[in-house]
Protein backbone atom coordinates (compact mmCIF):
# COMPACT_ATOMS: atom_id res chain seq x y z
CA MET A 1 35.85 -25.42 41.02
CA LEU A 2 39.43 -26.88 42.25
CA ILE A 3 41.25 -29.93 40.64
CA PHE A 4 43.89 -31.71 42.34
CA SER A 5 46.25 -34.08 40.70
CA LYS A 6 46.40 -37.41 42.43
CA SER A 7 50.17 -36.88 43.33
CA ARG A 8 48.96 -33.56 45.07
CA LEU A 9 46.56 -35.05 46.76
CA LEU A 10 48.41 -37.96 48.08
CA LEU A 11 51.05 -35.37 49.23
CA ILE A 12 48.47 -33.90 51.32
CA VAL A 13 46.95 -37.39 52.72
CA ILE A 14 50.44 -37.89 54.01
CA PHE A 15 50.95 -34.51 55.38
CA ALA A 16 47.47 -35.04 57.37
CA SER A 17 48.32 -38.54 58.47
CA ILE A 18 51.88 -37.10 60.00
CA PHE A 19 50.01 -34.08 61.51
CA ILE A 20 47.11 -36.55 63.20
CA ALA A 21 50.05 -38.96 64.28
CA GLY A 22 52.00 -36.14 65.85
CA CYS A 23 48.94 -35.20 67.92
CA MET A 24 48.54 -38.73 68.95
CA ASN A 25 49.96 -40.68 71.98
CA LYS A 26 52.98 -42.79 71.10
CA PRO A 27 51.79 -46.15 69.37
CA ALA A 28 50.45 -49.21 71.50
CA PRO A 29 53.14 -51.35 72.85
CA GLU A 30 52.38 -54.50 70.12
CA GLU A 31 52.99 -51.98 67.18
CA GLU A 32 56.21 -51.30 69.14
CA MET A 33 56.94 -54.86 69.47
CA TYR A 34 56.24 -55.22 65.77
CA GLU A 35 58.84 -52.64 64.85
CA VAL A 36 61.38 -53.99 66.74
CA LEU A 37 60.81 -57.33 65.85
CA GLU A 38 61.04 -56.53 62.40
CA LYS A 39 64.56 -54.77 63.23
CA VAL A 40 65.59 -58.12 64.69
CA VAL A 41 65.40 -59.55 61.10
CA ALA A 42 67.34 -56.80 59.31
CA GLU A 43 70.01 -57.39 62.03
CA GLU A 44 70.45 -60.90 61.10
CA LYS A 45 70.54 -60.55 57.54
CA GLY A 46 74.45 -60.80 58.04
CA PHE A 47 73.98 -64.44 60.01
CA GLU A 48 72.25 -65.50 57.13
CA GLU A 49 74.91 -64.54 54.62
CA GLN A 50 77.74 -66.39 56.21
CA GLN A 51 75.42 -70.40 55.70
CA GLU A 52 76.35 -70.86 52.74
CA PRO A 53 79.62 -69.86 52.36
CA LEU A 54 80.40 -71.62 55.69
CA VAL A 55 79.07 -74.69 54.42
CA ASN A 56 81.24 -74.60 51.00
CA LEU A 57 84.28 -74.14 53.10
CA GLU A 58 83.51 -77.12 55.56
CA LYS A 59 82.84 -79.02 52.43
CA LYS A 60 86.63 -78.09 50.64
CA GLU A 61 88.36 -78.84 53.82
CA LYS A 62 86.49 -82.24 54.36
CA GLU A 63 87.89 -82.86 50.69
CA LEU A 64 91.55 -81.81 51.74
CA TYR A 65 91.44 -83.91 54.72
CA ASP A 66 90.42 -87.04 53.04
CA LYS A 67 93.34 -86.51 50.39
CA ILE A 68 95.96 -85.73 53.16
CA ILE A 69 94.57 -89.36 55.21
CA ALA A 70 94.61 -91.26 51.86
CA LEU A 71 98.09 -90.20 51.22
CA GLY A 72 101.48 -91.86 52.74
CA MET A 73 103.77 -90.32 54.60
CA LYS A 74 106.19 -90.95 51.21
CA GLU A 75 104.22 -88.31 49.77
CA PHE A 76 104.71 -85.85 52.61
CA ALA A 77 105.83 -83.03 50.29
CA GLU A 78 101.67 -83.20 48.84
CA ILE A 79 100.71 -83.64 52.40
CA THR A 80 102.12 -80.23 53.37
CA LYS A 81 100.55 -78.27 50.78
CA LEU A 82 97.53 -79.55 51.33
CA SER A 83 97.55 -79.09 55.08
CA ASP A 84 98.38 -75.61 54.29
CA GLU A 85 95.50 -75.34 51.80
CA ALA A 86 93.12 -76.69 54.71
CA LEU A 87 94.72 -73.79 57.10
CA SER A 88 93.73 -71.13 55.08
CA ILE A 89 90.22 -72.92 54.69
CA VAL A 90 90.17 -72.44 58.60
CA GLU A 91 91.28 -69.18 58.70
CA GLN A 92 88.32 -68.31 56.52
CA ARG A 93 85.71 -70.10 58.60
CA LYS A 94 86.67 -68.52 61.61
CA THR A 95 86.66 -65.22 59.70
CA HIS A 96 82.79 -66.00 58.54
CA MET A 97 81.99 -66.99 62.10
CA LYS A 98 83.24 -63.95 63.71
CA LYS A 99 80.65 -62.30 61.02
CA GLU A 100 78.00 -64.70 62.23
CA GLN A 101 78.36 -64.08 66.00
CA LYS A 102 78.87 -60.71 65.10
CA SER A 103 75.24 -60.28 63.67
CA ILE A 104 73.63 -62.34 66.56
CA GLN A 105 74.84 -60.26 68.95
CA ALA A 106 73.53 -57.33 66.87
CA SER A 107 70.44 -58.85 66.59
CA LYS A 108 70.20 -59.95 70.80
CA LYS A 109 71.18 -56.09 71.65
CA GLU A 110 68.00 -54.84 69.17
CA PHE A 111 65.81 -57.63 70.83
CA GLU A 112 66.46 -56.65 74.21
CA ASN A 113 64.54 -53.23 73.91
CA LEU A 114 61.20 -55.34 73.87
CA SER A 115 61.83 -56.31 77.69
CA ALA A 116 60.32 -52.63 78.84
CA ILE A 117 57.64 -53.02 75.94
CA ILE A 118 56.60 -56.33 77.02
CA ASP A 119 55.96 -54.85 80.58
CA GLU A 120 53.58 -51.69 79.01
CA ILE A 121 51.08 -54.76 77.58
CA GLU A 122 48.13 -54.53 79.56
CA GLU A 123 46.07 -57.63 77.88
CA GLU A 124 46.76 -60.92 79.75
CA GLU A 125 46.84 -63.01 76.71
CA LEU A 126 49.14 -60.61 74.26
CA HIS A 127 51.04 -60.18 77.35
CA GLU A 128 51.97 -63.71 77.85
CA LYS A 129 52.13 -64.42 74.29
CA SER A 130 54.95 -61.62 73.69
CA SER A 131 56.56 -62.87 77.51
CA ASP A 132 56.84 -66.49 75.67
CA LEU A 133 57.90 -64.91 72.61
CA TYR A 134 60.95 -62.80 74.40
CA LYS A 135 61.72 -66.40 76.76
CA ILE A 136 62.45 -68.49 73.32
CA MET A 137 64.38 -65.90 71.38
CA MET A 138 66.65 -65.42 74.82
CA ASP A 139 67.34 -68.98 75.09
CA ARG A 140 67.96 -69.04 71.15
CA TYR A 141 70.46 -66.33 71.94
CA ALA A 142 72.36 -68.30 74.71
CA ILE A 143 72.43 -71.47 72.64
CA HIS A 144 74.33 -69.83 69.73
CA ASP A 145 76.67 -68.28 72.26
CA VAL A 146 77.67 -72.29 73.06
CA LEU A 147 77.43 -72.79 69.82
CA TYR A 148 80.20 -70.37 68.49
CA LYS A 149 82.53 -70.93 71.77
CA ASP A 150 82.49 -74.81 70.68
CA TYR A 151 82.99 -73.97 67.18
CA SER A 152 85.66 -71.39 67.31
CA LYS A 153 87.29 -74.44 69.95
CA ALA A 154 86.99 -76.76 67.08
CA LEU A 155 88.55 -74.68 64.29
CA GLU A 156 91.69 -74.43 66.98
CA TYR A 157 91.87 -78.14 66.98
CA ASP A 158 91.56 -78.26 63.49
CA LYS A 159 94.30 -75.82 62.74
CA GLU A 160 96.35 -77.85 65.62
CA LEU A 161 95.66 -81.21 63.16
CA TYR A 162 97.12 -79.59 59.68
CA THR A 163 99.85 -78.21 61.57
CA MET A 164 100.41 -81.75 63.14
CA PHE A 165 100.11 -83.31 59.29
CA LYS A 166 103.26 -81.09 58.46
CA ASN A 167 105.34 -82.73 61.01
CA GLU A 168 107.01 -85.73 59.46
CA ASP A 169 107.74 -87.36 63.25
CA LEU A 170 103.70 -87.46 63.74
CA SER A 171 102.77 -90.49 65.45
CA LEU A 172 99.78 -92.42 65.28
CA GLU A 173 98.93 -92.25 68.56
CA GLN A 174 99.27 -88.06 68.80
CA LEU A 175 97.12 -88.45 65.27
CA GLU A 176 94.52 -90.44 66.60
CA GLU A 177 94.07 -88.39 69.56
CA GLN A 178 93.71 -85.26 67.87
CA ILE A 179 91.31 -86.42 65.74
CA SER A 180 88.91 -87.88 68.88
CA LYS A 181 89.21 -84.34 70.25
CA ILE A 182 87.91 -82.84 66.99
CA ASN A 183 85.05 -85.60 66.78
CA ASP A 184 83.88 -84.91 70.28
CA MET A 185 83.52 -81.07 69.73
CA TYR A 186 81.72 -81.71 66.38
CA GLU A 187 79.15 -83.80 68.05
CA LYS A 188 78.60 -81.22 70.53
CA ILE A 189 78.15 -78.70 67.73
CA LEU A 190 75.90 -80.68 66.15
CA ASP A 191 73.70 -80.89 69.11
CA SER A 192 73.67 -77.38 69.52
CA ASN A 193 73.08 -76.82 65.94
CA LYS A 194 70.19 -78.70 66.19
CA GLN A 195 68.78 -77.15 69.36
CA PHE A 196 69.36 -73.81 67.48
CA ASN A 197 67.25 -74.87 64.67
CA GLU A 198 64.42 -76.23 66.94
CA LYS A 199 64.56 -72.95 68.88
CA THR A 200 64.08 -70.84 65.53
CA LYS A 201 61.45 -72.63 64.36
CA GLU A 202 59.75 -72.41 67.91
CA TYR A 203 60.30 -68.43 67.78
CA ASN A 204 58.87 -68.09 64.27
CA VAL A 205 55.59 -69.79 65.48
CA ALA A 206 55.55 -67.65 68.66
CA LYS A 207 56.11 -64.57 66.55
CA LEU A 208 53.16 -65.41 64.51
CA ALA A 209 51.12 -66.28 67.50
CA PHE A 210 51.87 -62.98 69.22
CA TYR A 211 51.06 -61.22 65.40
CA LYS A 212 47.59 -62.75 65.42
CA GLU A 213 46.75 -61.95 68.89
CA ALA A 214 47.60 -58.70 68.52
CA GLY A 215 45.70 -58.24 65.21
CA LEU A 216 48.74 -57.50 62.88
CA GLU A 217 48.07 -58.22 59.35
CA ILE A 218 51.56 -59.61 58.05
CA LYS A 219 52.54 -61.05 55.00
CA THR A 220 54.36 -64.59 55.02
CA GLU A 221 57.13 -65.92 52.92
CA GLU A 222 56.06 -69.26 51.07
């Protein structure tokens, strides 16, 4: 009588599974989609990691801005010092935003692999759900492109503002004009950010609907 240890039996089972899989046709399209979608999640880790630092930097910059506005021009040396600190924060925000965009672009590149896979799905309902999923995510990427472009422009306006604060001859009219430009840009950014968040929620719902239709059992985070 032969006695196998559990570890040895496991190795045999794994080997047999690999051997059988190698003899079978390639995975079903929905299984390939699942693999791609999980890679997309991984690619956006970099995006997620930028959110907290960006929010913290924006708060710090707002505090510096409020201090500058509260000071009179007689305290020009202090205004210059605070403006330099704010300019440094603007550069840090730019760095984090570039990392965010790089992560989103990597996610998009991975996600676009789904186009050919979706074409292979024959089941009508599953094909429709996967197509909807693809459109929603591509819309999300397009919104982020606009968001990134506007945020980058806003950073340039911020940089101009803090440079202006270091000019003793700055007029109230020049200041008001610059602040108006900045406020208009951030209104656009807030709107795009809202659209992006809504599209992200829509995508997550569509993804779960696709998984359910495809019969893929997954665990969701609470």
